[in-house]
Amino acid sequence: MWLLLAIGAAIALRIWLPRLQASRDPLSKTLVFHFGIRPSGPEGRWTGRDRFLSGALSLVTAGACFGIALFAVRALDTLPVVSTASHVASGAMFLFALFGLLATIYAVADFVRAPFTKPWKSEDSVHRGQAG
C-alpha cells in the first residue's frame, strides 16, 4: 500500500513540477525554491570550485543531521521505553540519521566530481555571445 502511494506521489511530482516552476504565483515559487550553491561557470555550468563548495556544505548539513540524531539517541536513554516521547525521539533519530547519510553520500559524490569538472569557457559560447 505504501509503495503504491509513494509511486503515485512520484508520478504526480514528475507531472506537476514543470508547471510549478513555470508558474509565477507565490505558492509555486515557495514550493520549487532552490537554495545552495548555484553554478558560476559559463552558461550556468558547474565549475570545480562550485562542486567543492557544494560538497563542503553537504558535509556541514550531514554533521548537523547526525548531531540531531545523536541528541535524539541521548533523549531515548532518559525516556521510558513505551512512551509517546520515546517513539517521537526514535522516529527523529531514524529520519535525521537517514538525512545525514544522504547528505554524506552527496558530499562524497561532489568531492569526487570536483577535480574532473573543468572550469574553462567553451569557444562556442564566446562566438555565440559575439554573434548574438
N, C-alpha and C. Protein backbone atom coordinates (compact mmCIF):
# COMPACT_ATOMS: atom_id res chain seq x y z
N MET A 1 0.81 -1.19 0.00
CA MET A 1 0.00 0.00 0.00
C MET A 1 0.86 1.26 0.00
N TRP A 2 1.87 1.31 0.91
CA TRP A 2 2.74 2.49 0.98
C TRP A 2 3.56 2.64 -0.28
N LEU A 3 3.96 1.52 -0.87
CA LEU A 3 4.73 1.57 -2.11
C LEU A 3 3.91 2.19 -3.23
N LEU A 4 2.65 1.81 -3.33
CA LEU A 4 1.79 2.39 -4.36
C LEU A 4 1.58 3.88 -4.14
N LEU A 5 1.42 4.29 -2.89
CA LEU A 5 1.28 5.72 -2.60
C LEU A 5 2.55 6.48 -2.95
N ALA A 6 3.71 5.90 -2.66
CA ALA A 6 4.97 6.57 -2.98
C ALA A 6 5.16 6.69 -4.49
N ILE A 7 4.82 5.64 -5.21
CA ILE A 7 4.94 5.68 -6.68
C ILE A 7 3.97 6.71 -7.25
N GLY A 8 2.75 6.75 -6.73
CA GLY A 8 1.77 7.75 -7.18
C GLY A 8 2.24 9.17 -6.89
N ALA A 9 2.82 9.39 -5.72
CA ALA A 9 3.33 10.72 -5.38
C ALA A 9 4.50 11.10 -6.29
N ALA A 10 5.37 10.15 -6.62
CA ALA A 10 6.49 10.43 -7.52
C ALA A 10 5.99 10.80 -8.91
N ILE A 11 4.99 10.09 -9.39
CA ILE A 11 4.42 10.39 -10.72
C ILE A 11 3.76 11.77 -10.71
N ALA A 12 3.02 12.07 -9.66
CA ALA A 12 2.37 13.39 -9.57
C ALA A 12 3.40 14.50 -9.51
N LEU A 13 4.47 14.29 -8.75
CA LEU A 13 5.53 15.30 -8.67
C LEU A 13 6.18 15.50 -10.04
N ARG A 14 6.43 14.41 -10.75
CA ARG A 14 7.05 14.50 -12.08
C ARG A 14 6.17 15.26 -13.06
N ILE A 15 4.87 15.10 -12.92
CA ILE A 15 3.94 15.79 -13.83
C ILE A 15 3.80 17.27 -13.45
N TRP A 16 3.70 17.58 -12.16
CA TRP A 16 3.39 18.94 -11.72
C TRP A 16 4.61 19.83 -11.54
N LEU A 17 5.81 19.27 -11.40
CA LEU A 17 6.99 20.09 -11.15
C LEU A 17 7.26 21.11 -12.26
N PRO A 18 7.23 20.72 -13.55
CA PRO A 18 7.45 21.75 -14.59
C PRO A 18 6.39 22.85 -14.56
N ARG A 19 5.16 22.50 -14.25
CA ARG A 19 4.11 23.51 -14.19
C ARG A 19 4.32 24.47 -13.01
N LEU A 20 4.77 23.93 -11.89
CA LEU A 20 5.05 24.78 -10.73
C LEU A 20 6.23 25.70 -11.00
N GLN A 21 7.25 25.20 -11.70
CA GLN A 21 8.42 26.02 -12.00
C GLN A 21 8.08 27.13 -12.96
N ALA A 22 7.16 26.89 -13.88
CA ALA A 22 6.79 27.91 -14.87
C ALA A 22 5.82 28.94 -14.29
N SER A 23 5.10 28.60 -13.24
CA SER A 23 4.11 29.49 -12.66
C SER A 23 4.77 30.61 -11.87
N ARG A 24 4.10 31.75 -11.77
CA ARG A 24 4.67 32.91 -11.09
C ARG A 24 3.98 33.23 -9.77
N ASP A 25 2.99 32.44 -9.35
CA ASP A 25 2.30 32.77 -8.11
C ASP A 25 3.18 32.44 -6.91
N PRO A 26 2.95 33.09 -5.75
CA PRO A 26 3.84 32.91 -4.60
C PRO A 26 3.91 31.48 -4.07
N LEU A 27 2.80 30.73 -4.11
CA LEU A 27 2.81 29.36 -3.61
C LEU A 27 3.72 28.48 -4.48
N SER A 28 3.65 28.63 -5.78
CA SER A 28 4.51 27.84 -6.67
C SER A 28 5.97 28.19 -6.48
N LYS A 29 6.27 29.48 -6.31
CA LYS A 29 7.66 29.89 -6.08
C LYS A 29 8.19 29.30 -4.78
N THR A 30 7.34 29.22 -3.77
CA THR A 30 7.76 28.66 -2.49
C THR A 30 8.02 27.17 -2.60
N LEU A 31 7.17 26.46 -3.33
CA LEU A 31 7.30 25.01 -3.44
C LEU A 31 8.53 24.58 -4.23
N VAL A 32 8.98 25.38 -5.18
CA VAL A 32 10.13 24.99 -6.01
C VAL A 32 11.36 25.84 -5.71
N PHE A 33 11.39 26.51 -4.54
CA PHE A 33 12.53 27.33 -4.17
C PHE A 33 13.78 26.46 -4.04
N HIS A 34 14.85 26.91 -4.61
CA HIS A 34 16.12 26.18 -4.57
C HIS A 34 17.14 27.02 -3.82
N PHE A 35 17.82 26.40 -2.88
CA PHE A 35 18.87 27.11 -2.17
C PHE A 35 20.12 26.26 -2.19
N GLY A 36 21.25 26.92 -2.05
CA GLY A 36 22.52 26.21 -2.09
C GLY A 36 23.46 26.90 -3.07
N ILE A 37 24.45 26.17 -3.50
CA ILE A 37 25.43 26.70 -4.44
C ILE A 37 24.83 26.72 -5.84
N ARG A 38 24.92 27.87 -6.48
CA ARG A 38 24.47 27.98 -7.87
C ARG A 38 25.70 27.90 -8.78
N PRO A 39 25.56 27.27 -9.92
CA PRO A 39 26.70 27.16 -10.83
C PRO A 39 27.18 28.53 -11.27
N SER A 40 28.50 28.74 -11.25
CA SER A 40 29.04 30.05 -11.60
C SER A 40 29.82 30.02 -12.91
N GLY A 41 29.82 28.90 -13.59
CA GLY A 41 30.55 28.78 -14.84
C GLY A 41 29.81 29.42 -16.00
N PRO A 42 30.43 29.40 -17.17
CA PRO A 42 29.76 29.96 -18.34
C PRO A 42 28.52 29.15 -18.68
N GLU A 43 27.46 29.84 -19.05
CA GLU A 43 26.18 29.25 -19.42
C GLU A 43 25.60 28.41 -18.28
N GLY A 44 25.89 28.78 -17.04
CA GLY A 44 25.33 28.08 -15.90
C GLY A 44 25.92 26.71 -15.64
N ARG A 45 27.14 26.48 -16.07
CA ARG A 45 27.79 25.18 -15.85
C ARG A 45 28.48 25.16 -14.49
N TRP A 46 28.62 23.97 -13.94
CA TRP A 46 29.31 23.79 -12.67
C TRP A 46 30.80 23.85 -12.88
N THR A 47 31.49 24.53 -12.00
CA THR A 47 32.96 24.54 -12.01
C THR A 47 33.44 23.63 -10.89
N GLY A 48 34.74 23.35 -10.87
CA GLY A 48 35.30 22.53 -9.80
C GLY A 48 35.13 23.18 -8.44
N ARG A 49 35.27 24.50 -8.40
CA ARG A 49 35.08 25.24 -7.14
C ARG A 49 33.65 25.12 -6.65
N ASP A 50 32.67 25.20 -7.56
CA ASP A 50 31.27 25.05 -7.18
C ASP A 50 31.02 23.66 -6.59
N ARG A 51 31.57 22.64 -7.22
CA ARG A 51 31.40 21.27 -6.71
C ARG A 51 32.02 21.12 -5.33
N PHE A 52 33.21 21.70 -5.14
CA PHE A 52 33.88 21.60 -3.85
C PHE A 52 33.06 22.29 -2.75
N LEU A 53 32.55 23.50 -3.06
CA LEU A 53 31.74 24.23 -2.08
C LEU A 53 30.44 23.49 -1.77
N SER A 54 29.83 22.89 -2.79
CA SER A 54 28.62 22.12 -2.57
C SER A 54 28.89 20.91 -1.69
N GLY A 55 30.02 20.25 -1.91
CA GLY A 55 30.39 19.12 -1.07
C GLY A 55 30.66 19.54 0.36
N ALA A 56 31.31 20.68 0.54
CA ALA A 56 31.59 21.17 1.89
C ALA A 56 30.30 21.52 2.63
N LEU A 57 29.36 22.17 1.95
CA LEU A 57 28.08 22.48 2.58
C LEU A 57 27.28 21.22 2.88
N SER A 58 27.41 20.21 2.04
CA SER A 58 26.73 18.95 2.30
C SER A 58 27.31 18.27 3.54
N LEU A 59 28.63 18.38 3.73
CA LEU A 59 29.23 17.82 4.93
C LEU A 59 28.77 18.55 6.19
N VAL A 60 28.62 19.86 6.10
CA VAL A 60 28.11 20.63 7.24
C VAL A 60 26.67 20.19 7.55
N THR A 61 25.88 20.03 6.51
CA THR A 61 24.50 19.58 6.69
C THR A 61 24.46 18.18 7.29
N ALA A 62 25.32 17.29 6.81
CA ALA A 62 25.38 15.93 7.35
C ALA A 62 25.77 15.95 8.82
N GLY A 63 26.72 16.80 9.18
CA GLY A 63 27.12 16.92 10.58
C GLY A 63 25.98 17.39 11.46
N ALA A 64 25.21 18.37 10.97
CA ALA A 64 24.06 18.85 11.74
C ALA A 64 23.01 17.76 11.90
N CYS A 65 22.75 17.03 10.83
CA CYS A 65 21.76 15.94 10.90
C CYS A 65 22.21 14.84 11.86
N PHE A 66 23.48 14.45 11.79
CA PHE A 66 23.97 13.42 12.70
C PHE A 66 23.97 13.94 14.15
N GLY A 67 24.22 15.22 14.35
CA GLY A 67 24.16 15.80 15.69
C GLY A 67 22.75 15.73 16.27
N ILE A 68 21.76 16.05 15.45
CA ILE A 68 20.37 15.95 15.92
C ILE A 68 20.01 14.50 16.20
N ALA A 69 20.48 13.57 15.36
CA ALA A 69 20.21 12.15 15.59
C ALA A 69 20.85 11.69 16.90
N LEU A 70 22.07 12.14 17.18
CA LEU A 70 22.72 11.78 18.44
C LEU A 70 22.00 12.38 19.65
N PHE A 71 21.49 13.59 19.49
CA PHE A 71 20.70 14.21 20.55
C PHE A 71 19.44 13.38 20.82
N ALA A 72 18.81 12.87 19.76
CA ALA A 72 17.62 12.03 19.92
C ALA A 72 17.98 10.71 20.61
N VAL A 73 19.17 10.16 20.32
CA VAL A 73 19.61 8.93 20.99
C VAL A 73 19.80 9.19 22.48
N ARG A 74 20.39 10.33 22.80
CA ARG A 74 20.57 10.68 24.22
C ARG A 74 19.22 10.84 24.92
N ALA A 75 18.26 11.41 24.20
CA ALA A 75 16.92 11.56 24.78
C ALA A 75 16.27 10.19 24.98
N LEU A 76 16.52 9.24 24.09
CA LEU A 76 15.96 7.90 24.23
C LEU A 76 16.47 7.20 25.49
N ASP A 77 17.70 7.50 25.87
CA ASP A 77 18.26 6.87 27.07
C ASP A 77 17.53 7.30 28.34
N THR A 78 17.00 8.51 28.34
CA THR A 78 16.38 9.04 29.56
C THR A 78 14.86 8.84 29.58
N LEU A 79 14.25 8.53 28.44
CA LEU A 79 12.79 8.41 28.38
C LEU A 79 12.34 6.98 28.69
N PRO A 80 11.12 6.82 29.21
CA PRO A 80 10.58 5.48 29.38
C PRO A 80 10.41 4.78 28.03
N VAL A 81 10.54 3.48 28.02
CA VAL A 81 10.58 2.73 26.76
C VAL A 81 9.27 2.82 25.99
N VAL A 82 8.14 2.71 26.67
CA VAL A 82 6.86 2.67 25.97
C VAL A 82 6.12 3.99 26.20
N SER A 83 6.71 5.08 25.76
CA SER A 83 6.05 6.38 25.89
C SER A 83 5.99 7.04 24.51
N THR A 84 5.11 8.00 24.39
CA THR A 84 4.97 8.71 23.12
C THR A 84 6.25 9.49 22.80
N ALA A 85 6.85 10.08 23.80
CA ALA A 85 8.09 10.83 23.59
C ALA A 85 9.21 9.91 23.10
N SER A 86 9.23 8.69 23.58
CA SER A 86 10.23 7.73 23.13
C SER A 86 10.04 7.39 21.66
N HIS A 87 8.79 7.23 21.25
CA HIS A 87 8.51 6.94 19.84
C HIS A 87 8.87 8.12 18.95
N VAL A 88 8.58 9.33 19.41
CA VAL A 88 8.93 10.53 18.64
C VAL A 88 10.44 10.66 18.52
N ALA A 89 11.16 10.41 19.62
CA ALA A 89 12.62 10.51 19.59
C ALA A 89 13.23 9.46 18.68
N SER A 90 12.68 8.25 18.70
CA SER A 90 13.24 7.21 17.82
C SER A 90 12.94 7.51 16.35
N GLY A 91 11.77 8.09 16.06
CA GLY A 91 11.47 8.50 14.69
C GLY A 91 12.38 9.62 14.22
N ALA A 92 12.62 10.60 15.10
CA ALA A 92 13.52 11.70 14.75
C ALA A 92 14.94 11.18 14.55
N MET A 93 15.35 10.24 15.40
CA MET A 93 16.69 9.67 15.26
C MET A 93 16.84 8.98 13.91
N PHE A 94 15.84 8.19 13.53
CA PHE A 94 15.90 7.48 12.26
C PHE A 94 15.93 8.44 11.08
N LEU A 95 15.02 9.42 11.08
CA LEU A 95 14.94 10.35 9.95
C LEU A 95 16.22 11.18 9.81
N PHE A 96 16.71 11.73 10.91
CA PHE A 96 17.90 12.58 10.80
C PHE A 96 19.15 11.77 10.49
N ALA A 97 19.20 10.52 10.95
CA ALA A 97 20.33 9.66 10.56
C ALA A 97 20.26 9.37 9.06
N LEU A 98 19.06 9.15 8.54
CA LEU A 98 18.90 8.91 7.10
C LEU A 98 19.26 10.16 6.29
N PHE A 99 18.80 11.33 6.75
CA PHE A 99 19.15 12.58 6.06
C PHE A 99 20.66 12.82 6.11
N GLY A 100 21.29 12.52 7.24
CA GLY A 100 22.74 12.67 7.35
C GLY A 100 23.48 11.73 6.41
N LEU A 101 22.98 10.52 6.28
CA LEU A 101 23.60 9.57 5.35
C LEU A 101 23.47 10.05 3.91
N LEU A 102 22.29 10.55 3.55
CA LEU A 102 22.10 11.06 2.18
C LEU A 102 22.99 12.28 1.92
N ALA A 103 23.11 13.17 2.88
CA ALA A 103 23.97 14.35 2.70
C ALA A 103 25.44 13.93 2.60
N THR A 104 25.84 12.91 3.33
CA THR A 104 27.22 12.42 3.24
C THR A 104 27.49 11.82 1.87
N ILE A 105 26.55 11.04 1.35
CA ILE A 105 26.71 10.47 0.01
C ILE A 105 26.81 11.57 -1.04
N TYR A 106 25.97 12.60 -0.91
CA TYR A 106 26.01 13.71 -1.85
C TYR A 106 27.34 14.46 -1.77
N ALA A 107 27.86 14.63 -0.55
CA ALA A 107 29.14 15.32 -0.38
C ALA A 107 30.27 14.52 -1.01
N VAL A 108 30.28 13.21 -0.79
CA VAL A 108 31.33 12.37 -1.38
C VAL A 108 31.25 12.43 -2.91
N ALA A 109 30.04 12.39 -3.44
CA ALA A 109 29.88 12.47 -4.90
C ALA A 109 30.41 13.80 -5.43
N ASP A 110 30.12 14.90 -4.74
CA ASP A 110 30.62 16.20 -5.18
C ASP A 110 32.14 16.30 -5.08
N PHE A 111 32.71 15.76 -4.00
CA PHE A 111 34.17 15.80 -3.85
C PHE A 111 34.86 14.95 -4.91
N VAL A 112 34.25 13.85 -5.30
CA VAL A 112 34.83 13.00 -6.35
C VAL A 112 34.72 13.69 -7.71
N ARG A 113 33.61 14.39 -7.96
CA ARG A 113 33.42 15.04 -9.25
C ARG A 113 34.18 16.36 -9.40
N ALA A 114 34.56 16.99 -8.29
CA ALA A 114 35.19 18.32 -8.34
C ALA A 114 36.48 18.35 -9.16
N PRO A 115 37.42 17.41 -8.99
CA PRO A 115 38.66 17.51 -9.78
C PRO A 115 38.44 17.30 -11.28
N PHE A 116 37.36 16.63 -11.64
CA PHE A 116 37.13 16.32 -13.05
C PHE A 116 36.21 17.33 -13.74
N THR A 117 35.70 18.30 -12.99
CA THR A 117 34.85 19.34 -13.57
C THR A 117 35.76 20.46 -14.05
N LYS A 118 35.72 20.71 -15.33
CA LYS A 118 36.64 21.68 -15.92
C LYS A 118 36.04 23.08 -15.88
N PRO A 119 36.79 24.07 -15.39
CA PRO A 119 36.25 25.43 -15.26
C PRO A 119 36.55 26.34 -16.45
N TRP A 120 36.65 25.81 -17.65
CA TRP A 120 37.01 26.66 -18.78
C TRP A 120 35.77 27.23 -19.46
N LYS A 121 35.97 28.24 -20.29
CA LYS A 121 34.91 28.77 -21.15
C LYS A 121 35.03 28.08 -22.49
N SER A 122 33.92 27.61 -23.00
CA SER A 122 33.97 26.95 -24.29
C SER A 122 34.05 28.00 -25.40
N GLU A 123 34.71 27.65 -26.48
CA GLU A 123 34.85 28.57 -27.60
C GLU A 123 33.50 28.85 -28.26
N ASP A 124 32.60 27.86 -28.23
CA ASP A 124 31.29 28.06 -28.85
C ASP A 124 30.52 29.16 -28.14
N SER A 125 30.60 29.21 -26.80
CA SER A 125 29.84 30.22 -26.06
C SER A 125 30.40 31.61 -26.32
N VAL A 126 31.70 31.74 -26.54
CA VAL A 126 32.31 33.04 -26.82
C VAL A 126 31.84 33.52 -28.18
N HIS A 127 31.84 32.62 -29.18
CA HIS A 127 31.42 33.02 -30.52
C HIS A 127 29.91 33.30 -30.58
N ARG A 128 29.13 32.52 -29.86
CA ARG A 128 27.69 32.76 -29.85
C ARG A 128 27.37 34.09 -29.17
N GLY A 129 28.11 34.44 -28.13
CA GLY A 129 27.88 35.70 -27.43
C GLY A 129 28.18 36.89 -28.32
N GLN A 130 29.21 36.80 -29.18
CA GLN A 130 29.55 37.91 -30.07
C GLN A 130 28.63 37.99 -31.26
N ALA A 131 28.13 36.82 -31.71
CA ALA A 131 27.28 36.81 -32.90
C ALA A 131 25.88 37.32 -32.58
N GLY A 132 25.42 37.11 -31.32
CA GLY A 132 24.04 37.48 -30.94
C GLY A 132 23.97 38.87 -30.60
